Amino acid sequence: MEIQILGTGCPKCKKLTEMAEQAARELGLEFTIRKVSDINEIMEFGVMSTPGLAVDGKVLTAGQLPTYERVKDLLSRL
């Protein structure tokens, strides 16, 4: 699976990257992480505010930094 972090590199985006990577490892998922920082590409996801978390092109959350538990829960449902 490809986990996409949608954001321009702000502290919240960096924190979301760390949380997503840790959660995916704990869940034993095979994954890659791709940081999407191009505004036009972020908008193609339909996201207007960052940070955003998407998996294989499907947006799971956007516009706020979710808790670690929420990130892990979202990834566990895939």
C-alpha atoms as a PDB file:
ATOM      1  CA  MET A   1       0.000   0.000   0.000  1.00  0.00           C
ATOM      2  CA  GLU A   2       1.074   3.558  -0.587  1.00  0.00           C
ATOM      3  CA  ILE A   3       0.445   5.983   2.263  1.00  0.00           C
ATOM      4  CA  GLN A   4       0.324   9.557   1.022  1.00  0.00           C
ATOM      5  CA  ILE A   5       0.898  12.508   3.322  1.00  0.00           C
ATOM      6  CA  LEU A   6      -0.667  15.599   1.799  1.00  0.00           C
ATOM      7  CA  GLY A   7       0.955  18.825   2.923  1.00  0.00           C
ATOM      8  CA  THR A   8       3.611  21.402   2.295  1.00  0.00           C
ATOM      9  CA  GLY A   9       6.002  20.251   4.993  1.00  0.00           C
ATOM     10  CA  CYS A  10       4.557  22.043   8.014  1.00  0.00           C
ATOM     11  CA  PRO A  11       5.168  20.635  11.519  1.00  0.00           C
ATOM     12  CA  LYS A  12       1.717  18.972  11.531  1.00  0.00           C
ATOM     13  CA  CYS A  13       2.484  17.276   8.221  1.00  0.00           C
ATOM     14  CA  LYS A  14       5.767  15.968   9.596  1.00  0.00           C
ATOM     15  CA  LYS A  15       4.044  14.677  12.731  1.00  0.00           C
ATOM     16  CA  LEU A  16       1.384  12.940  10.620  1.00  0.00           C
ATOM     17  CA  THR A  17       4.139  11.256   8.615  1.00  0.00           C
ATOM     18  CA  GLU A  18       5.740   9.942  11.805  1.00  0.00           C
ATOM     19  CA  MET A  19       2.427   8.693  13.182  1.00  0.00           C
ATOM     20  CA  ALA A  20       1.409   6.980   9.948  1.00  0.00           C
ATOM     21  CA  GLU A  21       4.755   5.230   9.640  1.00  0.00           C
ATOM     22  CA  GLN A  22       4.707   4.047  13.256  1.00  0.00           C
ATOM     23  CA  ALA A  23       1.098   2.840  13.048  1.00  0.00           C
ATOM     24  CA  ALA A  24       1.707   0.972   9.788  1.00  0.00           C
ATOM     25  CA  ARG A  25       4.764  -0.749  11.294  1.00  0.00           C
ATOM     26  CA  GLU A  26       2.853  -1.741  14.440  1.00  0.00           C
ATOM     27  CA  LEU A  27       0.067  -3.180  12.291  1.00  0.00           C
ATOM     28  CA  GLY A  28       2.586  -5.163  10.252  1.00  0.00           C
ATOM     29  CA  LEU A  29       1.548  -3.553   6.969  1.00  0.00           C
ATOM     30  CA  GLU A  30       3.661  -3.534   3.841  1.00  0.00           C
ATOM     31  CA  PHE A  31       3.781   0.106   2.845  1.00  0.00           C
ATOM     32  CA  THR A  32       5.608   2.981   1.291  1.00  0.00           C
ATOM     33  CA  ILE A  33       5.167   6.594   2.314  1.00  0.00           C
ATOM     34  CA  ARG A  34       5.001   9.351  -0.257  1.00  0.00           C
ATOM     35  CA  LYS A  35       4.915  12.995   0.717  1.00  0.00           C
ATOM     36  CA  VAL A  36       2.720  15.010  -1.626  1.00  0.00           C
ATOM     37  CA  SER A  37       3.716  18.662  -1.342  1.00  0.00           C
ATOM     38  CA  ASP A  38       2.676  20.062  -4.732  1.00  0.00           C
ATOM     39  CA  ILE A  39      -0.425  22.205  -4.184  1.00  0.00           C
ATOM     40  CA  ASN A  40      -1.962  21.201  -7.513  1.00  0.00           C
ATOM     41  CA  GLU A  41      -1.520  17.501  -6.758  1.00  0.00           C
ATOM     42  CA  ILE A  42      -2.995  17.962  -3.272  1.00  0.00           C
ATOM     43  CA  MET A  43      -6.013  19.673  -4.840  1.00  0.00           C
ATOM     44  CA  GLU A  44      -6.430  16.709  -7.221  1.00  0.00           C
ATOM     45  CA  PHE A  45      -7.173  14.653  -4.099  1.00  0.00           C
ATOM     46  CA  GLY A  46      -9.974  17.117  -3.321  1.00  0.00           C
ATOM     47  CA  VAL A  47      -8.140  18.350  -0.228  1.00  0.00           C
ATOM     48  CA  MET A  48      -8.323  22.073   0.453  1.00  0.00           C
ATOM     49  CA  SER A  49      -6.580  22.167   3.837  1.00  0.00           C
ATOM     50  CA  THR A  50      -3.693  20.148   5.145  1.00  0.00           C
ATOM     51  CA  PRO A  51      -2.415  17.952   6.579  1.00  0.00           C
ATOM     52  CA  GLY A  52      -4.081  15.103   4.773  1.00  0.00           C
ATOM     53  CA  LEU A  53      -3.703  11.342   4.952  1.00  0.00           C
ATOM     54  CA  ALA A  54      -4.524   9.156   1.977  1.00  0.00           C
ATOM     55  CA  VAL A  55      -3.924   5.510   1.165  1.00  0.00           C
ATOM     56  CA  ASP A  56      -3.676   4.380  -2.444  1.00  0.00           C
ATOM     57  CA  GLY A  57      -5.301   7.644  -3.516  1.00  0.00           C
ATOM     58  CA  LYS A  58      -8.246   7.501  -1.100  1.00  0.00           C
ATOM     59  CA  VAL A  59      -8.339  10.389   1.384  1.00  0.00           C
ATOM     60  CA  LEU A  60      -8.866   9.189   4.959  1.00  0.00           C
ATOM     61  CA  THR A  61      -8.537  12.503   6.788  1.00  0.00           C
ATOM     62  CA  ALA A  62      -7.733  16.121   5.940  1.00  0.00           C
ATOM     63  CA  GLY A  63      -7.566  19.542   7.512  1.00  0.00           C
ATOM     64  CA  GLN A  64      -6.486  18.462  10.969  1.00  0.00           C
ATOM     65  CA  LEU A  65      -3.895  16.403  12.769  1.00  0.00           C
ATOM     66  CA  PRO A  66      -5.677  13.264  13.973  1.00  0.00           C
ATOM     67  CA  THR A  67      -4.616  11.434  17.108  1.00  0.00           C
ATOM     68  CA  TYR A  68      -2.223   8.520  16.822  1.00  0.00           C
ATOM     69  CA  GLU A  69      -5.055   6.161  17.811  1.00  0.00           C
ATOM     70  CA  ARG A  70      -7.217   7.519  14.974  1.00  0.00           C
ATOM     71  CA  VAL A  71      -4.432   7.066  12.420  1.00  0.00           C
ATOM     72  CA  LYS A  72      -3.857   3.499  13.571  1.00  0.00           C
ATOM     73  CA  ASP A  73      -7.587   2.770  13.497  1.00  0.00           C
ATOM     74  CA  LEU A  74      -7.941   4.140   9.946  1.00  0.00           C
ATOM     75  CA  LEU A  75      -4.999   2.066   8.710  1.00  0.00           C
ATOM     76  CA  SER A  76      -6.231  -1.079  10.449  1.00  0.00           C
ATOM     77  CA  ARG A  77      -9.479  -0.939   8.453  1.00  0.00           C
ATOM     78  CA  LEU A  78      -7.722  -1.312   5.108  1.00  0.00           C
END
